[in-house]
C-alpha atoms as a PDB file:
ATOM      1  CA  UNK A   1       9.872  31.748 -32.240  1.00  0.00           C
ATOM      2  CA  UNK A   2      10.308  30.319 -28.757  1.00  0.00           C
ATOM      3  CA  UNK A   3       7.223  28.512 -27.562  1.00  0.00           C
ATOM      4  CA  UNK A   4       5.890  29.933 -24.313  1.00  0.00           C
ATOM      5  CA  UNK A   5       3.627  27.005 -23.579  1.00  0.00           C
ATOM      6  CA  UNK A   6       3.786  23.269 -23.089  1.00  0.00           C
ATOM      7  CA  UNK A   7       1.206  20.499 -23.313  1.00  0.00           C
ATOM      8  CA  UNK A   8       0.691  17.323 -21.309  1.00  0.00           C
ATOM      9  CA  UNK A   9      -2.237  14.960 -21.280  1.00  0.00           C
ATOM     10  CA  UNK A  10      -4.336  15.345 -18.166  1.00  0.00           C
ATOM     11  CA  UNK A  11      -3.514  12.895 -15.366  1.00  0.00           C
ATOM     12  CA  UNK A  12      -5.482  12.129 -12.193  1.00  0.00           C
ATOM     13  CA  UNK A  13      -3.340  14.547 -10.153  1.00  0.00           C
ATOM     14  CA  UNK A  14      -4.432  17.456 -12.413  1.00  0.00           C
ATOM     15  CA  UNK A  15      -8.031  17.520 -11.140  1.00  0.00           C
ATOM     16  CA  UNK A  16      -7.482  20.553  -8.869  1.00  0.00           C
ATOM     17  CA  UNK A  17      -5.948  22.560 -11.733  1.00  0.00           C
ATOM     18  CA  UNK A  18      -8.837  21.581 -13.995  1.00  0.00           C
ATOM     19  CA  UNK A  19     -11.450  22.559 -11.410  1.00  0.00           C
ATOM     20  CA  UNK A  20      -9.759  25.917 -10.778  1.00  0.00           C
ATOM     21  CA  UNK A  21     -10.043  26.601 -14.508  1.00  0.00           C
ATOM     22  CA  UNK A  22     -13.637  25.524 -15.104  1.00  0.00           C
ATOM     23  CA  UNK A  23     -15.243  26.894 -11.929  1.00  0.00           C
ATOM     24  CA  UNK A  24     -14.695  30.438 -13.270  1.00  0.00           C
ATOM     25  CA  UNK A  25     -17.873  31.900 -14.797  1.00  0.00           C
ATOM     26  CA  UNK A  26     -15.869  34.169 -17.126  1.00  0.00           C
ATOM     27  CA  UNK A  27     -13.815  31.278 -18.521  1.00  0.00           C
ATOM     28  CA  UNK A  28     -16.909  29.137 -19.051  1.00  0.00           C
ATOM     29  CA  UNK A  29     -19.156  31.917 -20.391  1.00  0.00           C
ATOM     30  CA  UNK A  30     -18.982  30.671 -23.991  1.00  0.00           C
ATOM     31  CA  UNK A  31     -18.780  26.960 -23.131  1.00  0.00           C
ATOM     32  CA  UNK A  32     -21.598  26.182 -20.708  1.00  0.00           C
ATOM     33  CA  UNK A  33     -22.710  29.684 -19.751  1.00  0.00           C
ATOM     34  CA  UNK A  34     -21.440  29.368 -16.190  1.00  0.00           C
ATOM     35  CA  UNK A  35     -18.673  27.824 -14.131  1.00  0.00           C
ATOM     36  CA  UNK A  36     -18.891  24.175 -13.129  1.00  0.00           C
ATOM     37  CA  UNK A  37     -19.554  22.868  -9.665  1.00  0.00           C
ATOM     38  CA  UNK A  38     -16.926  20.596  -8.142  1.00  0.00           C
ATOM     39  CA  UNK A  39     -19.173  17.578  -8.825  1.00  0.00           C
ATOM     40  CA  UNK A  40     -19.677  18.582 -12.483  1.00  0.00           C
ATOM     41  CA  UNK A  41     -15.954  19.208 -12.935  1.00  0.00           C
ATOM     42  CA  UNK A  42     -15.052  15.828 -11.436  1.00  0.00           C
ATOM     43  CA  UNK A  43     -17.499  14.005 -13.726  1.00  0.00           C
ATOM     44  CA  UNK A  44     -16.166  15.809 -16.808  1.00  0.00           C
ATOM     45  CA  UNK A  45     -12.549  15.259 -15.766  1.00  0.00           C
ATOM     46  CA  UNK A  46     -13.167  11.531 -15.262  1.00  0.00           C
ATOM     47  CA  UNK A  47     -14.571  11.435 -18.802  1.00  0.00           C
ATOM     48  CA  UNK A  48     -11.433  13.187 -20.088  1.00  0.00           C
ATOM     49  CA  UNK A  49      -9.171  10.654 -18.363  1.00  0.00           C
ATOM     50  CA  UNK A  50     -11.051   7.766 -20.007  1.00  0.00           C
ATOM     51  CA  UNK A  51     -10.750   9.406 -23.426  1.00  0.00           C
ATOM     52  CA  UNK A  52      -7.038  10.031 -22.818  1.00  0.00           C
ATOM     53  CA  UNK A  53      -6.482   6.299 -22.266  1.00  0.00           C
ATOM     54  CA  UNK A  54      -8.017   5.368 -25.627  1.00  0.00           C
ATOM     55  CA  UNK A  55      -5.376   6.933 -27.863  1.00  0.00           C
ATOM     56  CA  UNK A  56      -1.747   7.848 -27.291  1.00  0.00           C
ATOM     57  CA  UNK A  57      -1.878  11.052 -29.346  1.00  0.00           C
ATOM     58  CA  UNK A  58      -5.451  12.309 -29.036  1.00  0.00           C
ATOM     59  CA  UNK A  59      -7.164  13.616 -25.935  1.00  0.00           C
ATOM     60  CA  UNK A  60      -7.410  16.441 -23.432  1.00  0.00           C
ATOM     61  CA  UNK A  61      -4.279  18.351 -22.492  1.00  0.00           C
ATOM     62  CA  UNK A  62      -3.356  20.761 -19.759  1.00  0.00           C
ATOM     63  CA  UNK A  63      -1.605  23.831 -21.120  1.00  0.00           C
ATOM     64  CA  UNK A  64       1.119  25.377 -19.012  1.00  0.00           C
ATOM     65  CA  UNK A  65       3.629  28.190 -19.144  1.00  0.00           C
ATOM     66  CA  UNK A  66       6.800  26.372 -20.198  1.00  0.00           C
ATOM     67  CA  UNK A  67       9.133  28.489 -18.054  1.00  0.00           C
ATOM     68  CA  UNK A  68       7.168  28.843 -14.832  1.00  0.00           C
ATOM     69  CA  UNK A  69       5.245  25.548 -15.198  1.00  0.00           C
ATOM     70  CA  UNK A  70       1.992  27.219 -14.154  1.00  0.00           C
ATOM     71  CA  UNK A  71      -1.325  25.934 -15.469  1.00  0.00           C
ATOM     72  CA  UNK A  72      -2.843  28.460 -17.891  1.00  0.00           C
ATOM     73  CA  UNK A  73      -5.575  26.455 -19.600  1.00  0.00           C
ATOM     74  CA  UNK A  74      -6.499  23.327 -21.485  1.00  0.00           C
ATOM     75  CA  UNK A  75      -7.013  22.097 -25.012  1.00  0.00           C
ATOM     76  CA  UNK A  76      -8.245  19.071 -26.841  1.00  0.00           C
ATOM     77  CA  UNK A  77      -7.764  17.218 -30.069  1.00  0.00           C
ATOM     78  CA  UNK A  78     -10.227  14.322 -30.233  1.00  0.00           C
ATOM     79  CA  UNK A  79     -12.272  12.412 -32.744  1.00  0.00           C
ATOM     80  CA  UNK A  80     -15.510  14.363 -33.141  1.00  0.00           C
ATOM     81  CA  UNK A  81     -18.253  12.482 -31.300  1.00  0.00           C
ATOM     82  CA  UNK A  82     -20.792  12.962 -34.124  1.00  0.00           C
ATOM     83  CA  UNK A  83     -18.377  11.878 -36.895  1.00  0.00           C
ATOM     84  CA  UNK A  84     -15.141  10.015 -36.063  1.00  0.00           C
ATOM     85  CA  UNK A  85     -13.794  10.760 -39.550  1.00  0.00           C
ATOM     86  CA  UNK A  86     -13.237  14.353 -38.350  1.00  0.00           C
ATOM     87  CA  UNK A  87     -11.043  15.754 -35.565  1.00  0.00           C
ATOM     88  CA  UNK A  88     -12.419  18.298 -33.097  1.00  0.00           C
ATOM     89  CA  UNK A  89     -10.142  20.815 -31.444  1.00  0.00           C
ATOM     90  CA  UNK A  90     -10.845  23.325 -28.719  1.00  0.00           C
ATOM     91  CA  UNK A  91      -9.260  25.216 -25.864  1.00  0.00           C
ATOM     92  CA  UNK A  92      -9.845  27.239 -22.693  1.00  0.00           C
ATOM     93  CA  UNK A  93      -7.557  29.792 -21.072  1.00  0.00           C
ATOM     94  CA  UNK A  94      -7.568  31.478 -17.687  1.00  0.00           C
ATOM     95  CA  UNK A  95      -8.696  35.073 -18.108  1.00  0.00           C
ATOM     96  CA  UNK A  96      -5.289  36.611 -17.356  1.00  0.00           C
ATOM     97  CA  UNK A  97      -3.922  34.845 -20.466  1.00  0.00           C
ATOM     98  CA  UNK A  98      -6.581  36.115 -22.890  1.00  0.00           C
ATOM     99  CA  UNK A  99      -5.575  38.387 -25.791  1.00  0.00           C
ATOM    100  CA  UNK A 100      -1.861  37.548 -25.486  1.00  0.00           C
ATOM    101  CA  UNK A 101      -1.411  35.150 -28.398  1.00  0.00           C
ATOM    102  CA  UNK A 102      -1.748  31.948 -26.377  1.00  0.00           C
ATOM    103  CA  UNK A 103      -4.846  30.862 -28.331  1.00  0.00           C
ATOM    104  CA  UNK A 104      -2.842  31.139 -31.545  1.00  0.00           C
ATOM    105  CA  UNK A 105      -0.028  29.011 -30.094  1.00  0.00           C
ATOM    106  CA  UNK A 106      -2.509  26.388 -28.893  1.00  0.00           C
ATOM    107  CA  UNK A 107      -4.211  26.219 -32.304  1.00  0.00           C
ATOM    108  CA  UNK A 108      -0.853  25.929 -34.061  1.00  0.00           C
ATOM    109  CA  UNK A 109       0.098  23.032 -31.793  1.00  0.00           C
ATOM    110  CA  UNK A 110      -3.239  21.229 -32.138  1.00  0.00           C
ATOM    111  CA  UNK A 111      -3.254  21.598 -35.930  1.00  0.00           C
ATOM    112  CA  UNK A 112       0.340  20.340 -36.121  1.00  0.00           C
ATOM    113  CA  UNK A 113      -0.671  17.346 -34.009  1.00  0.00           C
ATOM    114  CA  UNK A 114      -3.684  16.723 -36.260  1.00  0.00           C
ATOM    115  CA  UNK A 115      -1.420  16.856 -39.317  1.00  0.00           C
ATOM    116  CA  UNK A 116       1.072  14.438 -37.746  1.00  0.00           C
ATOM    117  CA  UNK A 117      -1.716  11.953 -36.961  1.00  0.00           C
ATOM    118  CA  UNK A 118      -3.674  12.263 -40.219  1.00  0.00           C
ATOM    119  CA  UNK A 119      -2.900  15.128 -42.633  1.00  0.00           C
ATOM    120  CA  UNK A 120      -6.069  14.499 -44.666  1.00  0.00           C
ATOM    121  CA  UNK A 121      -8.566  14.432 -41.794  1.00  0.00           C
ATOM    122  CA  UNK A 122     -10.759  17.547 -41.535  1.00  0.00           C
ATOM    123  CA  UNK A 123     -10.794  19.486 -38.245  1.00  0.00           C
ATOM    124  CA  UNK A 124     -13.769  21.212 -36.670  1.00  0.00           C
ATOM    125  CA  UNK A 125     -13.984  23.855 -33.985  1.00  0.00           C
ATOM    126  CA  UNK A 126     -17.191  24.572 -32.109  1.00  0.00           C
ATOM    127  CA  UNK A 127     -17.846  27.938 -30.482  1.00  0.00           C
ATOM    128  CA  UNK A 128     -20.603  30.096 -29.072  1.00  0.00           C
ATOM    129  CA  UNK A 129     -21.589  32.437 -31.955  1.00  0.00           C
ATOM    130  CA  UNK A 130     -21.142  35.411 -29.594  1.00  0.00           C
ATOM    131  CA  UNK A 131     -17.467  34.538 -29.046  1.00  0.00           C
ATOM    132  CA  UNK A 132     -15.924  36.850 -31.641  1.00  0.00           C
ATOM    133  CA  UNK A 133     -12.346  36.240 -30.461  1.00  0.00           C
ATOM    134  CA  UNK A 134     -12.639  32.496 -31.094  1.00  0.00           C
ATOM    135  CA  UNK A 135     -14.338  33.116 -34.447  1.00  0.00           C
ATOM    136  CA  UNK A 136     -11.461  35.371 -35.569  1.00  0.00           C
ATOM    137  CA  UNK A 137      -8.910  32.799 -34.437  1.00  0.00           C
ATOM    138  CA  UNK A 138     -10.547  29.942 -36.338  1.00  0.00           C
ATOM    139  CA  UNK A 139     -10.902  32.096 -39.451  1.00  0.00           C
ATOM    140  CA  UNK A 140      -7.229  33.073 -39.165  1.00  0.00           C
ATOM    141  CA  UNK A 141      -6.364  29.379 -39.552  1.00  0.00           C
ATOM    142  CA  UNK A 142      -8.669  28.923 -42.548  1.00  0.00           C
ATOM    143  CA  UNK A 143     -11.729  27.448 -40.827  1.00  0.00           C
ATOM    144  CA  UNK A 144     -15.104  28.156 -42.475  1.00  0.00           C
ATOM    145  CA  UNK A 145     -18.444  28.387 -40.669  1.00  0.00           C
ATOM    146  CA  UNK A 146     -20.939  25.695 -41.672  1.00  0.00           C
ATOM    147  CA  UNK A 147     -23.557  25.669 -38.896  1.00  0.00           C
ATOM    148  CA  UNK A 148     -25.154  28.275 -36.656  1.00  0.00           C
ATOM    149  CA  UNK A 149     -27.942  27.236 -34.336  1.00  0.00           C
ATOM    150  CA  UNK A 150     -28.616  25.490 -31.053  1.00  0.00           C
ATOM    151  CA  UNK A 151     -27.076  22.191 -30.003  1.00  0.00           C
ATOM    152  CA  UNK A 152     -27.446  20.576 -26.581  1.00  0.00           C
ATOM    153  CA  UNK A 153     -29.523  23.633 -25.583  1.00  0.00           C
ATOM    154  CA  UNK A 154     -26.532  25.959 -26.176  1.00  0.00           C
ATOM    155  CA  UNK A 155     -25.942  28.551 -28.913  1.00  0.00           C
ATOM    156  CA  UNK A 156     -23.515  26.883 -31.306  1.00  0.00           C
ATOM    157  CA  UNK A 157     -21.442  27.759 -34.349  1.00  0.00           C
ATOM    158  CA  UNK A 158     -19.378  25.076 -36.049  1.00  0.00           C
ATOM    159  CA  UNK A 159     -16.360  25.694 -38.240  1.00  0.00           C
ATOM    160  CA  UNK A 160     -14.448  23.247 -40.415  1.00  0.00           C
ATOM    161  CA  UNK A 161     -10.937  23.236 -41.791  1.00  0.00           C
ATOM    162  CA  UNK A 162     -11.176  21.083 -44.912  1.00  0.00           C
ATOM    163  CA  UNK A 163      -8.042  19.012 -45.358  1.00  0.00           C
ATOM    164  CA  UNK A 164      -9.341  15.890 -47.067  1.00  0.00           C
ATOM    165  CA  UNK A 165      -8.505  15.329 -50.699  1.00  0.00           C
ATOM    166  CA  UNK A 166     -12.099  14.357 -51.615  1.00  0.00           C
END
């Protein structure tokens, strides 16, 4: 299968693309509940750039259409902030790219990257429990729900893909 998308770590010049993605209320509905202001987006993006400098392989990536080179979303593979022995993956897509298989391609890529870095390290995905499309996608890849509740004042469901040999 020909891959329709490419991945590059965010760079300083990608701020406008990032802001155009995260200012959209529909895109951010299941992340923060609403689109970000320019100030909020800049602060978050600066955090992403710092994280991207810490590790060559891990970080926050812009996702683009590989033929047209247009920005379609973002994804991440990072060490989970609450437990560095676990990876966390996630993604966002512009609305016009929903329900077209791009989420599957992103997950395949992120899981392949996780395997290349550490094949035994578990991977978590965190979603809004109301986001049935993301739930189905995680379950498709073998993730199992282990927490439903509120975290950071947001409805939260956590899934884990167990890969460790313990």
